[in-house]
Amino acid sequence: MEGIELNEKYVYLYNCLGIALRKQGKFQDAIQNYNRALKIDPQDANLYYNLCKAFAGDKDYDKAKDSLKKAVKLDPGLKDLFDDDPDFDTFRERLVSQ
């Protein structure tokens, strides 16, 4: 993994790996990969959005909410996506009410 850490082109790879891990329920591994990508591109709203999904899946709602706030601040359109995203159906109320 050392070689890809130095290359900005691999933000996409870390994100894809994070998505795959999250879908397998490996939330902590997904979070690590999203954070690696964010070290390379800290202004990527979609990474924060995906990080929010991983934290929510791991039931860390405070961190999920913080990640969602960062995502929406960088891209306000993600708020509409969040409202309709079926991945958040079981978590949406907790994230909005906290």
C-alpha atoms as a PDB file:
ATOM      1  CA  MET A   1       0.000   0.000   0.000  1.00  0.00           C
ATOM      2  CA  GLU A   2       2.948   2.368   0.438  1.00  0.00           C
ATOM      3  CA  GLY A   3       3.239   3.106  -3.271  1.00  0.00           C
ATOM      4  CA  ILE A   4      -0.351   4.173  -3.698  1.00  0.00           C
ATOM      5  CA  GLU A   5      -0.296   6.446  -0.668  1.00  0.00           C
ATOM      6  CA  LEU A   6       1.940   8.875  -2.519  1.00  0.00           C
ATOM      7  CA  ASN A   7      -0.143   9.157  -5.652  1.00  0.00           C
ATOM      8  CA  GLU A   8      -3.139  11.489  -5.823  1.00  0.00           C
ATOM      9  CA  LYS A   9      -4.616   9.411  -8.620  1.00  0.00           C
ATOM     10  CA  TYR A  10      -5.499   6.785  -6.061  1.00  0.00           C
ATOM     11  CA  VAL A  11      -8.132   8.794  -4.207  1.00  0.00           C
ATOM     12  CA  TYR A  12     -10.599   6.949  -6.419  1.00  0.00           C
ATOM     13  CA  LEU A  13      -9.050   3.594  -5.460  1.00  0.00           C
ATOM     14  CA  TYR A  14      -9.280   4.297  -1.736  1.00  0.00           C
ATOM     15  CA  ASN A  15     -12.872   5.437  -2.174  1.00  0.00           C
ATOM     16  CA  CYS A  16     -13.836   2.327  -4.154  1.00  0.00           C
ATOM     17  CA  LEU A  17     -12.131   0.090  -1.627  1.00  0.00           C
ATOM     18  CA  GLY A  18     -13.952   1.910   1.167  1.00  0.00           C
ATOM     19  CA  ILE A  19     -17.288   1.412  -0.589  1.00  0.00           C
ATOM     20  CA  ALA A  20     -16.634  -2.299  -1.100  1.00  0.00           C
ATOM     21  CA  LEU A  21     -15.594  -2.766   2.524  1.00  0.00           C
ATOM     22  CA  ARG A  22     -18.583  -0.789   3.810  1.00  0.00           C
ATOM     23  CA  LYS A  23     -20.963  -2.940   1.775  1.00  0.00           C
ATOM     24  CA  GLN A  24     -19.386  -6.014   3.394  1.00  0.00           C
ATOM     25  CA  GLY A  25     -20.028  -4.541   6.829  1.00  0.00           C
ATOM     26  CA  LYS A  26     -16.318  -3.895   7.441  1.00  0.00           C
ATOM     27  CA  PHE A  27     -16.944  -0.363   8.613  1.00  0.00           C
ATOM     28  CA  GLN A  28     -13.636   0.297  10.395  1.00  0.00           C
ATOM     29  CA  ASP A  29     -11.665  -0.824   7.329  1.00  0.00           C
ATOM     30  CA  ALA A  30     -13.858   1.366   5.138  1.00  0.00           C
ATOM     31  CA  ILE A  31     -13.293   4.343   7.441  1.00  0.00           C
ATOM     32  CA  GLN A  32      -9.522   3.845   7.214  1.00  0.00           C
ATOM     33  CA  ASN A  33      -9.642   3.921   3.427  1.00  0.00           C
ATOM     34  CA  TYR A  34     -11.869   6.995   3.265  1.00  0.00           C
ATOM     35  CA  ASN A  35      -9.498   8.756   5.669  1.00  0.00           C
ATOM     36  CA  ARG A  36      -6.519   7.824   3.483  1.00  0.00           C
ATOM     37  CA  ALA A  37      -8.281   9.366   0.513  1.00  0.00           C
ATOM     38  CA  LEU A  38      -9.150  12.476   2.525  1.00  0.00           C
ATOM     39  CA  LYS A  39      -5.480  12.963   3.416  1.00  0.00           C
ATOM     40  CA  ILE A  40      -4.831  13.278  -0.304  1.00  0.00           C
ATOM     41  CA  ASP A  41      -7.943  15.326  -1.150  1.00  0.00           C
ATOM     42  CA  PRO A  42      -9.486  16.917   1.947  1.00  0.00           C
ATOM     43  CA  GLN A  43     -11.957  18.925  -0.158  1.00  0.00           C
ATOM     44  CA  ASP A  44     -13.774  15.933  -1.663  1.00  0.00           C
ATOM     45  CA  ALA A  45     -17.376  16.148  -0.473  1.00  0.00           C
ATOM     46  CA  ASN A  46     -18.221  12.653  -1.708  1.00  0.00           C
ATOM     47  CA  LEU A  47     -15.519  11.147   0.486  1.00  0.00           C
ATOM     48  CA  TYR A  48     -17.061  12.785   3.544  1.00  0.00           C
ATOM     49  CA  TYR A  49     -20.479  11.547   2.436  1.00  0.00           C
ATOM     50  CA  ASN A  50     -19.187   7.981   2.141  1.00  0.00           C
ATOM     51  CA  LEU A  51     -17.380   8.352   5.461  1.00  0.00           C
ATOM     52  CA  CYS A  52     -20.717   9.340   6.977  1.00  0.00           C
ATOM     53  CA  LYS A  53     -22.251   6.109   5.663  1.00  0.00           C
ATOM     54  CA  ALA A  54     -19.459   4.053   7.215  1.00  0.00           C
ATOM     55  CA  PHE A  55     -19.728   5.780  10.591  1.00  0.00           C
ATOM     56  CA  ALA A  56     -23.515   5.370  10.539  1.00  0.00           C
ATOM     57  CA  GLY A  57     -23.130   1.682   9.710  1.00  0.00           C
ATOM     58  CA  ASP A  58     -20.743   1.378  12.649  1.00  0.00           C
ATOM     59  CA  LYS A  59     -23.347   3.153  14.817  1.00  0.00           C
ATOM     60  CA  ASP A  60     -21.008   6.071  15.522  1.00  0.00           C
ATOM     61  CA  TYR A  61     -23.687   8.664  14.909  1.00  0.00           C
ATOM     62  CA  ASP A  62     -21.744  11.668  16.214  1.00  0.00           C
ATOM     63  CA  LYS A  63     -18.921  11.097  13.736  1.00  0.00           C
ATOM     64  CA  ALA A  64     -21.444  10.298  11.014  1.00  0.00           C
ATOM     65  CA  LYS A  65     -23.190  13.601  11.618  1.00  0.00           C
ATOM     66  CA  ASP A  66     -19.881  15.505  11.601  1.00  0.00           C
ATOM     67  CA  SER A  67     -18.907  13.871   8.304  1.00  0.00           C
ATOM     68  CA  LEU A  68     -22.293  14.678   6.803  1.00  0.00           C
ATOM     69  CA  LYS A  69     -21.956  18.336   7.857  1.00  0.00           C
ATOM     70  CA  LYS A  70     -18.547  18.537   6.156  1.00  0.00           C
ATOM     71  CA  ALA A  71     -19.917  16.900   3.014  1.00  0.00           C
ATOM     72  CA  VAL A  72     -22.884  19.282   2.776  1.00  0.00           C
ATOM     73  CA  LYS A  73     -20.695  22.294   3.506  1.00  0.00           C
ATOM     74  CA  LEU A  74     -18.465  21.364   0.554  1.00  0.00           C
ATOM     75  CA  ASP A  75     -21.402  20.397  -1.687  1.00  0.00           C
ATOM     76  CA  PRO A  76     -24.857  21.567  -0.532  1.00  0.00           C
ATOM     77  CA  GLY A  77     -26.492  19.301  -3.131  1.00  0.00           C
ATOM     78  CA  LEU A  78     -25.539  16.295  -1.042  1.00  0.00           C
ATOM     79  CA  LYS A  79     -28.278  17.235   1.440  1.00  0.00           C
ATOM     80  CA  ASP A  80     -30.905  16.257  -1.144  1.00  0.00           C
ATOM     81  CA  LEU A  81     -29.028  13.029  -1.866  1.00  0.00           C
ATOM     82  CA  PHE A  82     -28.938  12.249   1.859  1.00  0.00           C
ATOM     83  CA  ASP A  83     -32.687  12.831   2.146  1.00  0.00           C
ATOM     84  CA  ASP A  84     -33.372  10.244  -0.583  1.00  0.00           C
ATOM     85  CA  ASP A  85     -30.490   7.797  -0.054  1.00  0.00           C
ATOM     86  CA  PRO A  86     -31.854   4.360   0.929  1.00  0.00           C
ATOM     87  CA  ASP A  87     -28.532   3.576   2.643  1.00  0.00           C
ATOM     88  CA  PHE A  88     -29.612   5.994   5.360  1.00  0.00           C
ATOM     89  CA  ASP A  89     -33.167   4.754   5.848  1.00  0.00           C
ATOM     90  CA  THR A  90     -32.406   3.164   9.213  1.00  0.00           C
ATOM     91  CA  PHE A  91     -30.062   5.949  10.362  1.00  0.00           C
ATOM     92  CA  ARG A  92     -31.569   9.156   8.959  1.00  0.00           C
ATOM     93  CA  GLU A  93     -33.705   9.952  11.993  1.00  0.00           C
ATOM     94  CA  ARG A  94     -30.769   9.464  14.381  1.00  0.00           C
ATOM     95  CA  LEU A  95     -28.459  11.626  12.293  1.00  0.00           C
ATOM     96  CA  VAL A  96     -30.948  14.459  11.917  1.00  0.00           C
ATOM     97  CA  SER A  97     -32.160  14.417  15.535  1.00  0.00           C
ATOM     98  CA  GLN A  98     -28.732  14.488  17.170  1.00  0.00           C
END
